[in-house]
Amino acid sequence: MKITAFAQCFNLSTDAIRFYERSGLLKPERQPNGYREFTEADQQDLKIILALKALDFSIKEISYVLELKRRPISIQCNDDSTKFLINKIDFIKKKIDFYEMAYQLLLKINTTIENNSYVEQHAELFSLIDQLASYGLEVH
């Protein structure tokens, strides 16, 4: 499949496909005339790229996952994969906790506004904001 058709399959621009190729994430074969030829394996890789991108994985992290995917199955590869995934799971759990705190804070602010009780809730709101700010620094 040529680059235009490949990009259209995923509702992406050809520039996005070229970016993923320059980043080393996609490795399409080149025909003698220089045209890229995207295969089923490239489609699978792009699905992984898009899924991980949606999960806020960095280009470096996505590259590492694809590198692990391309390695032969081995104990070392399994250990590397497990270590990487455990770290990423912990990071995502912290982000979930952070967003849950933010959600609760926004609900509290909304209730305060609706009830016109800012004066009464002022100290509690700022305590929650301080907690959220402190936690956010740890997550990011």
N, C-alpha and C. Protein backbone atom coordinates (compact mmCIF):
# COMPACT_ATOMS: atom_id res chain seq x y z
N MET A 1 0.86 -1.17 0.00
CA MET A 1 0.00 0.00 0.00
C MET A 1 0.91 1.24 0.00
N LYS A 2 0.58 2.21 -0.80
CA LYS A 2 1.35 3.46 -0.88
C LYS A 2 0.97 4.38 0.28
N ILE A 3 1.78 5.41 0.48
CA ILE A 3 1.65 6.28 1.66
C ILE A 3 0.29 6.97 1.73
N THR A 4 -0.24 7.44 0.60
CA THR A 4 -1.51 8.16 0.63
C THR A 4 -2.64 7.24 1.08
N ALA A 5 -2.70 6.06 0.51
CA ALA A 5 -3.75 5.10 0.89
C ALA A 5 -3.57 4.66 2.34
N PHE A 6 -2.32 4.46 2.73
CA PHE A 6 -2.02 4.04 4.10
C PHE A 6 -2.49 5.10 5.09
N ALA A 7 -2.16 6.35 4.81
CA ALA A 7 -2.56 7.45 5.69
C ALA A 7 -4.08 7.56 5.77
N GLN A 8 -4.75 7.42 4.62
CA GLN A 8 -6.21 7.53 4.58
C GLN A 8 -6.88 6.43 5.40
N CYS A 9 -6.29 5.24 5.42
CA CYS A 9 -6.86 4.14 6.22
C CYS A 9 -6.98 4.51 7.70
N PHE A 10 -6.08 5.39 8.15
CA PHE A 10 -6.05 5.77 9.56
C PHE A 10 -6.47 7.22 9.79
N ASN A 11 -7.00 7.84 8.74
CA ASN A 11 -7.44 9.23 8.82
C ASN A 11 -6.31 10.15 9.29
N LEU A 12 -5.12 9.91 8.75
CA LEU A 12 -3.94 10.71 9.08
C LEU A 12 -3.44 11.40 7.82
N SER A 13 -2.60 12.39 8.01
CA SER A 13 -1.95 13.04 6.88
C SER A 13 -0.72 12.24 6.49
N THR A 14 -0.28 12.43 5.27
CA THR A 14 0.96 11.77 4.86
C THR A 14 2.14 12.34 5.64
N ASP A 15 2.04 13.60 6.06
CA ASP A 15 3.10 14.19 6.90
C ASP A 15 3.22 13.45 8.24
N ALA A 16 2.09 13.05 8.81
CA ALA A 16 2.12 12.30 10.07
C ALA A 16 2.82 10.95 9.86
N ILE A 17 2.52 10.30 8.76
CA ILE A 17 3.16 9.01 8.46
C ILE A 17 4.66 9.22 8.28
N ARG A 18 5.04 10.27 7.56
CA ARG A 18 6.46 10.56 7.36
C ARG A 18 7.15 10.87 8.69
N PHE A 19 6.46 11.57 9.57
CA PHE A 19 7.01 11.87 10.90
C PHE A 19 7.28 10.57 11.66
N TYR A 20 6.31 9.66 11.65
CA TYR A 20 6.51 8.38 12.35
C TYR A 20 7.66 7.60 11.73
N GLU A 21 7.82 7.71 10.43
CA GLU A 21 8.94 7.04 9.76
C GLU A 21 10.27 7.69 10.16
N ARG A 22 10.35 9.03 10.13
CA ARG A 22 11.57 9.73 10.53
C ARG A 22 11.94 9.43 11.99
N SER A 23 10.91 9.24 12.81
CA SER A 23 11.12 8.95 14.24
C SER A 23 11.56 7.50 14.46
N GLY A 24 11.52 6.71 13.41
CA GLY A 24 11.93 5.30 13.52
C GLY A 24 10.83 4.38 13.98
N LEU A 25 9.61 4.91 14.10
CA LEU A 25 8.49 4.09 14.57
C LEU A 25 7.95 3.20 13.46
N LEU A 26 7.90 3.73 12.26
CA LEU A 26 7.47 2.95 11.09
C LEU A 26 8.69 2.70 10.21
N LYS A 27 8.74 1.51 9.66
CA LYS A 27 9.88 1.14 8.81
C LYS A 27 9.38 0.46 7.54
N PRO A 28 8.69 1.25 6.68
CA PRO A 28 8.17 0.63 5.45
C PRO A 28 9.30 0.26 4.50
N GLU A 29 9.02 -0.75 3.69
CA GLU A 29 9.99 -1.13 2.68
C GLU A 29 9.96 -0.10 1.57
N ARG A 30 11.09 0.04 0.89
CA ARG A 30 11.17 0.96 -0.25
C ARG A 30 11.27 0.15 -1.53
N GLN A 31 10.50 0.55 -2.51
CA GLN A 31 10.58 -0.07 -3.83
C GLN A 31 11.79 0.51 -4.56
N PRO A 32 12.20 -0.13 -5.65
CA PRO A 32 13.35 0.40 -6.42
C PRO A 32 13.17 1.85 -6.86
N ASN A 33 11.91 2.29 -7.07
CA ASN A 33 11.66 3.67 -7.49
C ASN A 33 11.62 4.64 -6.29
N GLY A 34 11.86 4.12 -5.08
CA GLY A 34 11.89 4.96 -3.89
C GLY A 34 10.56 5.08 -3.16
N TYR A 35 9.48 4.59 -3.76
CA TYR A 35 8.17 4.67 -3.11
C TYR A 35 8.13 3.75 -1.90
N ARG A 36 7.44 4.20 -0.89
CA ARG A 36 7.24 3.38 0.30
C ARG A 36 6.17 2.34 0.00
N GLU A 37 6.35 1.16 0.56
CA GLU A 37 5.33 0.12 0.45
C GLU A 37 4.99 -0.33 1.87
N PHE A 38 3.78 0.03 2.32
CA PHE A 38 3.36 -0.29 3.68
C PHE A 38 2.67 -1.66 3.68
N THR A 39 3.03 -2.46 4.66
CA THR A 39 2.55 -3.83 4.77
C THR A 39 1.56 -3.97 5.92
N GLU A 40 1.07 -5.18 6.09
CA GLU A 40 0.20 -5.50 7.22
C GLU A 40 0.93 -5.25 8.54
N ALA A 41 2.21 -5.57 8.58
CA ALA A 41 3.00 -5.32 9.80
C ALA A 41 3.07 -3.83 10.11
N ASP A 42 3.19 -3.00 9.08
CA ASP A 42 3.20 -1.54 9.29
C ASP A 42 1.85 -1.08 9.82
N GLN A 43 0.78 -1.69 9.34
CA GLN A 43 -0.56 -1.33 9.84
C GLN A 43 -0.68 -1.68 11.33
N GLN A 44 -0.18 -2.85 11.71
CA GLN A 44 -0.21 -3.24 13.12
C GLN A 44 0.62 -2.28 13.97
N ASP A 45 1.80 -1.92 13.45
CA ASP A 45 2.65 -0.98 14.19
C ASP A 45 1.97 0.38 14.35
N LEU A 46 1.32 0.85 13.30
CA LEU A 46 0.65 2.14 13.39
C LEU A 46 -0.52 2.09 14.37
N LYS A 47 -1.22 0.98 14.44
CA LYS A 47 -2.29 0.84 15.43
C LYS A 47 -1.71 0.93 16.84
N ILE A 48 -0.57 0.30 17.06
CA ILE A 48 0.09 0.38 18.36
C ILE A 48 0.52 1.82 18.64
N ILE A 49 1.11 2.47 17.65
CA ILE A 49 1.54 3.86 17.81
C ILE A 49 0.37 4.75 18.22
N LEU A 50 -0.74 4.64 17.50
CA LEU A 50 -1.89 5.49 17.78
C LEU A 50 -2.50 5.19 19.15
N ALA A 51 -2.56 3.91 19.52
CA ALA A 51 -3.11 3.55 20.83
C ALA A 51 -2.23 4.09 21.95
N LEU A 52 -0.92 3.92 21.81
CA LEU A 52 -0.01 4.39 22.86
C LEU A 52 0.05 5.91 22.91
N LYS A 53 -0.06 6.53 21.75
CA LYS A 53 -0.09 8.00 21.71
C LYS A 53 -1.32 8.51 22.46
N ALA A 54 -2.45 7.83 22.29
CA ALA A 54 -3.68 8.22 23.01
C ALA A 54 -3.51 8.06 24.52
N LEU A 55 -2.60 7.19 24.92
CA LEU A 55 -2.32 6.99 26.35
C LEU A 55 -1.19 7.90 26.84
N ASP A 56 -0.81 8.87 26.03
CA ASP A 56 0.24 9.84 26.38
C ASP A 56 1.63 9.22 26.50
N PHE A 57 1.88 8.13 25.77
CA PHE A 57 3.23 7.61 25.71
C PHE A 57 4.06 8.57 24.87
N SER A 58 5.31 8.75 25.24
CA SER A 58 6.20 9.60 24.46
C SER A 58 6.66 8.83 23.22
N ILE A 59 7.25 9.55 22.27
CA ILE A 59 7.79 8.91 21.07
C ILE A 59 8.86 7.89 21.50
N LYS A 60 9.68 8.26 22.47
CA LYS A 60 10.73 7.36 22.95
C LYS A 60 10.12 6.09 23.55
N GLU A 61 9.06 6.23 24.33
CA GLU A 61 8.40 5.07 24.92
C GLU A 61 7.75 4.19 23.85
N ILE A 62 7.12 4.82 22.88
CA ILE A 62 6.49 4.06 21.79
C ILE A 62 7.58 3.31 21.02
N SER A 63 8.69 3.97 20.77
CA SER A 63 9.80 3.33 20.07
C SER A 63 10.28 2.10 20.84
N TYR A 64 10.37 2.23 22.15
CA TYR A 64 10.81 1.12 22.99
C TYR A 64 9.83 -0.05 22.92
N VAL A 65 8.54 0.25 22.98
CA VAL A 65 7.52 -0.81 22.89
C VAL A 65 7.63 -1.53 21.54
N LEU A 66 7.79 -0.77 20.47
CA LEU A 66 7.92 -1.39 19.15
C LEU A 66 9.20 -2.21 19.05
N GLU A 67 10.27 -1.71 19.69
CA GLU A 67 11.52 -2.48 19.71
C GLU A 67 11.30 -3.81 20.42
N LEU A 68 10.60 -3.79 21.55
CA LEU A 68 10.31 -5.02 22.27
C LEU A 68 9.45 -5.96 21.42
N LYS A 69 8.49 -5.40 20.70
CA LYS A 69 7.62 -6.20 19.84
C LYS A 69 8.42 -6.91 18.74
N ARG A 70 9.42 -6.24 18.25
CA ARG A 70 10.20 -6.79 17.13
C ARG A 70 11.27 -7.79 17.58
N ARG A 71 11.55 -7.83 18.87
CA ARG A 71 12.55 -8.78 19.38
C ARG A 71 11.99 -10.19 19.40
N PRO A 72 12.88 -11.17 19.29
CA PRO A 72 12.41 -12.56 19.48
C PRO A 72 11.97 -12.75 20.94
N ILE A 73 11.03 -13.61 21.14
CA ILE A 73 10.56 -13.89 22.50
C ILE A 73 11.70 -14.53 23.28
N SER A 74 11.95 -13.96 24.46
CA SER A 74 13.00 -14.50 25.33
C SER A 74 12.70 -14.09 26.76
N ILE A 75 13.40 -14.71 27.67
CA ILE A 75 13.24 -14.34 29.09
C ILE A 75 13.64 -12.89 29.29
N GLN A 76 14.74 -12.46 28.66
CA GLN A 76 15.21 -11.08 28.80
C GLN A 76 14.17 -10.09 28.26
N CYS A 77 13.60 -10.41 27.10
CA CYS A 77 12.57 -9.54 26.51
C CYS A 77 11.34 -9.47 27.43
N ASN A 78 10.95 -10.62 27.98
CA ASN A 78 9.81 -10.63 28.90
C ASN A 78 10.10 -9.81 30.15
N ASP A 79 11.31 -9.94 30.68
CA ASP A 79 11.69 -9.16 31.86
C ASP A 79 11.69 -7.66 31.56
N ASP A 80 12.27 -7.30 30.41
CA ASP A 80 12.30 -5.89 30.00
C ASP A 80 10.89 -5.34 29.82
N SER A 81 10.04 -6.13 29.18
CA SER A 81 8.65 -5.71 28.94
C SER A 81 7.91 -5.53 30.26
N THR A 82 8.07 -6.48 31.15
CA THR A 82 7.39 -6.42 32.44
C THR A 82 7.83 -5.20 33.24
N LYS A 83 9.13 -4.97 33.30
CA LYS A 83 9.65 -3.81 34.04
C LYS A 83 9.10 -2.51 33.46
N PHE A 84 9.15 -2.39 32.14
CA PHE A 84 8.64 -1.18 31.50
C PHE A 84 7.15 -0.98 31.80
N LEU A 85 6.38 -2.05 31.65
CA LEU A 85 4.93 -1.94 31.85
C LEU A 85 4.56 -1.64 33.30
N ILE A 86 5.26 -2.22 34.24
CA ILE A 86 4.98 -1.94 35.65
C ILE A 86 5.21 -0.45 35.94
N ASN A 87 6.30 0.10 35.42
CA ASN A 87 6.57 1.53 35.61
C ASN A 87 5.48 2.38 34.97
N LYS A 88 5.06 2.01 33.78
CA LYS A 88 4.02 2.79 33.08
C LYS A 88 2.68 2.65 33.79
N ILE A 89 2.36 1.47 34.28
CA ILE A 89 1.11 1.26 35.03
C ILE A 89 1.10 2.13 36.28
N ASP A 90 2.22 2.16 37.00
CA ASP A 90 2.31 3.01 38.20
C ASP A 90 2.11 4.48 37.85
N PHE A 91 2.73 4.91 36.76
CA PHE A 91 2.60 6.31 36.33
C PHE A 91 1.15 6.64 35.98
N ILE A 92 0.50 5.76 35.24
CA ILE A 92 -0.90 6.00 34.84
C ILE A 92 -1.80 5.98 36.06
N LYS A 93 -1.55 5.10 37.03
CA LYS A 93 -2.34 5.06 38.26
C LYS A 93 -2.23 6.39 39.00
N LYS A 94 -1.03 6.94 39.05
CA LYS A 94 -0.86 8.25 39.70
C LYS A 94 -1.63 9.34 38.96
N LYS A 95 -1.62 9.27 37.64
CA LYS A 95 -2.38 10.25 36.86
C LYS A 95 -3.88 10.10 37.10
N ILE A 96 -4.35 8.86 37.19
CA ILE A 96 -5.77 8.62 37.47
C ILE A 96 -6.13 9.22 38.83
N ASP A 97 -5.28 8.98 39.83
CA ASP A 97 -5.53 9.54 41.16
C ASP A 97 -5.55 11.07 41.12
N PHE A 98 -4.60 11.65 40.36
CA PHE A 98 -4.55 13.10 40.22
C PHE A 98 -5.83 13.63 39.59
N TYR A 99 -6.27 13.00 38.51
CA TYR A 99 -7.49 13.47 37.84
C TYR A 99 -8.73 13.23 38.69
N GLU A 100 -8.73 12.19 39.50
CA GLU A 100 -9.85 11.97 40.42
C GLU A 100 -9.90 13.09 41.46
N MET A 101 -8.73 13.48 41.97
CA MET A 101 -8.68 14.60 42.91
C MET A 101 -9.16 15.89 42.24
N ALA A 102 -8.71 16.11 41.01
CA ALA A 102 -9.12 17.31 40.28
C ALA A 102 -10.62 17.32 40.04
N TYR A 103 -11.16 16.17 39.68
CA TYR A 103 -12.60 16.04 39.46
C TYR A 103 -13.38 16.38 40.73
N GLN A 104 -12.94 15.82 41.85
CA GLN A 104 -13.62 16.09 43.12
C GLN A 104 -13.53 17.57 43.49
N LEU A 105 -12.38 18.17 43.24
CA LEU A 105 -12.22 19.59 43.52
C LEU A 105 -13.16 20.43 42.66
N LEU A 106 -13.24 20.12 41.39
CA LEU A 106 -14.13 20.88 40.51
C LEU A 106 -15.59 20.71 40.90
N LEU A 107 -15.97 19.51 41.31
CA LEU A 107 -17.35 19.31 41.81
C LEU A 107 -17.60 20.17 43.04
N LYS A 108 -16.61 20.22 43.93
CA LYS A 108 -16.74 21.02 45.16
C LYS A 108 -16.84 22.52 44.83
N ILE A 109 -16.03 22.98 43.89
CA ILE A 109 -16.09 24.38 43.48
C ILE A 109 -17.44 24.69 42.86
N ASN A 110 -17.92 23.79 42.02
CA ASN A 110 -19.23 24.01 41.38
C ASN A 110 -20.34 24.07 42.41
N THR A 111 -20.31 23.17 43.38
CA THR A 111 -21.32 23.18 44.45
C THR A 111 -21.23 24.47 45.26
N THR A 112 -20.02 24.89 45.53
CA THR A 112 -19.81 26.14 46.28
C THR A 112 -20.41 27.33 45.54
N ILE A 113 -20.19 27.36 44.24
CA ILE A 113 -20.74 28.46 43.43
C ILE A 113 -22.26 28.39 43.41
N GLU A 114 -22.79 27.18 43.16
CA GLU A 114 -24.25 27.03 43.11
C GLU A 114 -24.92 27.42 44.42
N ASN A 115 -24.26 27.08 45.53
CA ASN A 115 -24.83 27.37 46.85
C ASN A 115 -24.43 28.75 47.39
N ASN A 116 -23.67 29.48 46.58
CA ASN A 116 -23.22 30.80 46.99
C ASN A 116 -22.58 30.76 48.38
N SER A 117 -21.68 29.76 48.57
CA SER A 117 -21.09 29.56 49.90
C SER A 117 -19.56 29.68 49.88
N TYR A 118 -19.08 30.56 49.04
CA TYR A 118 -17.62 30.72 48.92
C TYR A 118 -16.99 31.12 50.24
N VAL A 119 -17.60 32.03 50.94
CA VAL A 119 -17.02 32.52 52.19
C VAL A 119 -16.86 31.37 53.18
N GLU A 120 -17.88 30.53 53.27
CA GLU A 120 -17.84 29.41 54.21
C GLU A 120 -16.86 28.31 53.76
N GLN A 121 -16.72 28.13 52.47
CA GLN A 121 -15.92 27.04 51.92
C GLN A 121 -14.49 27.45 51.52
N HIS A 122 -14.19 28.73 51.61
CA HIS A 122 -12.93 29.26 51.13
C HIS A 122 -11.72 28.47 51.64
N ALA A 123 -11.60 28.25 52.92
CA ALA A 123 -10.45 27.56 53.50
C ALA A 123 -10.35 26.12 53.00
N GLU A 124 -11.48 25.44 52.95
CA GLU A 124 -11.48 24.05 52.48
C GLU A 124 -11.08 23.96 51.01
N LEU A 125 -11.60 24.87 50.20
CA LEU A 125 -11.27 24.87 48.77
C LEU A 125 -9.77 25.07 48.56
N PHE A 126 -9.20 26.03 49.27
CA PHE A 126 -7.77 26.28 49.08
C PHE A 126 -6.91 25.16 49.64
N SER A 127 -7.38 24.47 50.64
CA SER A 127 -6.68 23.30 51.15
C SER A 127 -6.66 22.20 50.07
N LEU A 128 -7.81 22.00 49.42
CA LEU A 128 -7.90 21.01 48.34
C LEU A 128 -7.02 21.41 47.15
N ILE A 129 -7.01 22.70 46.84
CA ILE A 129 -6.17 23.19 45.74
C ILE A 129 -4.69 22.96 46.06
N ASP A 130 -4.28 23.22 47.30
CA ASP A 130 -2.89 22.98 47.71
C ASP A 130 -2.53 21.50 47.57
N GLN A 131 -3.44 20.63 48.02
CA GLN A 131 -3.20 19.18 47.90
C GLN A 131 -3.05 18.77 46.44
N LEU A 132 -3.93 19.29 45.62
CA LEU A 132 -3.91 18.95 44.20
C LEU A 132 -2.63 19.45 43.55
N ALA A 133 -2.22 20.67 43.87
CA ALA A 133 -1.00 21.23 43.29
C ALA A 133 0.22 20.42 43.72
N SER A 134 0.28 20.04 44.96
CA SER A 134 1.40 19.23 45.47
C SER A 134 1.43 17.87 44.79
N TYR A 135 0.29 17.25 44.67
CA TYR A 135 0.22 15.93 44.04
C TYR A 135 0.55 16.03 42.56
N GLY A 136 0.09 17.10 41.92
CA GLY A 136 0.35 17.28 40.49
C GLY A 136 1.83 17.42 40.19
N LEU A 137 2.57 18.03 41.09
CA LEU A 137 4.01 18.17 40.88
C LEU A 137 4.70 16.79 40.91
N GLU A 138 4.17 15.88 41.73
CA GLU A 138 4.74 14.53 41.83
C GLU A 138 4.46 13.74 40.56
N VAL A 139 3.27 13.93 39.96
CA VAL A 139 2.83 13.15 38.81
C VAL A 139 3.55 13.61 37.55
N HIS A 140 3.72 14.89 37.39
CA HIS A 140 4.30 15.41 36.16
C HIS A 140 5.76 15.59 36.37
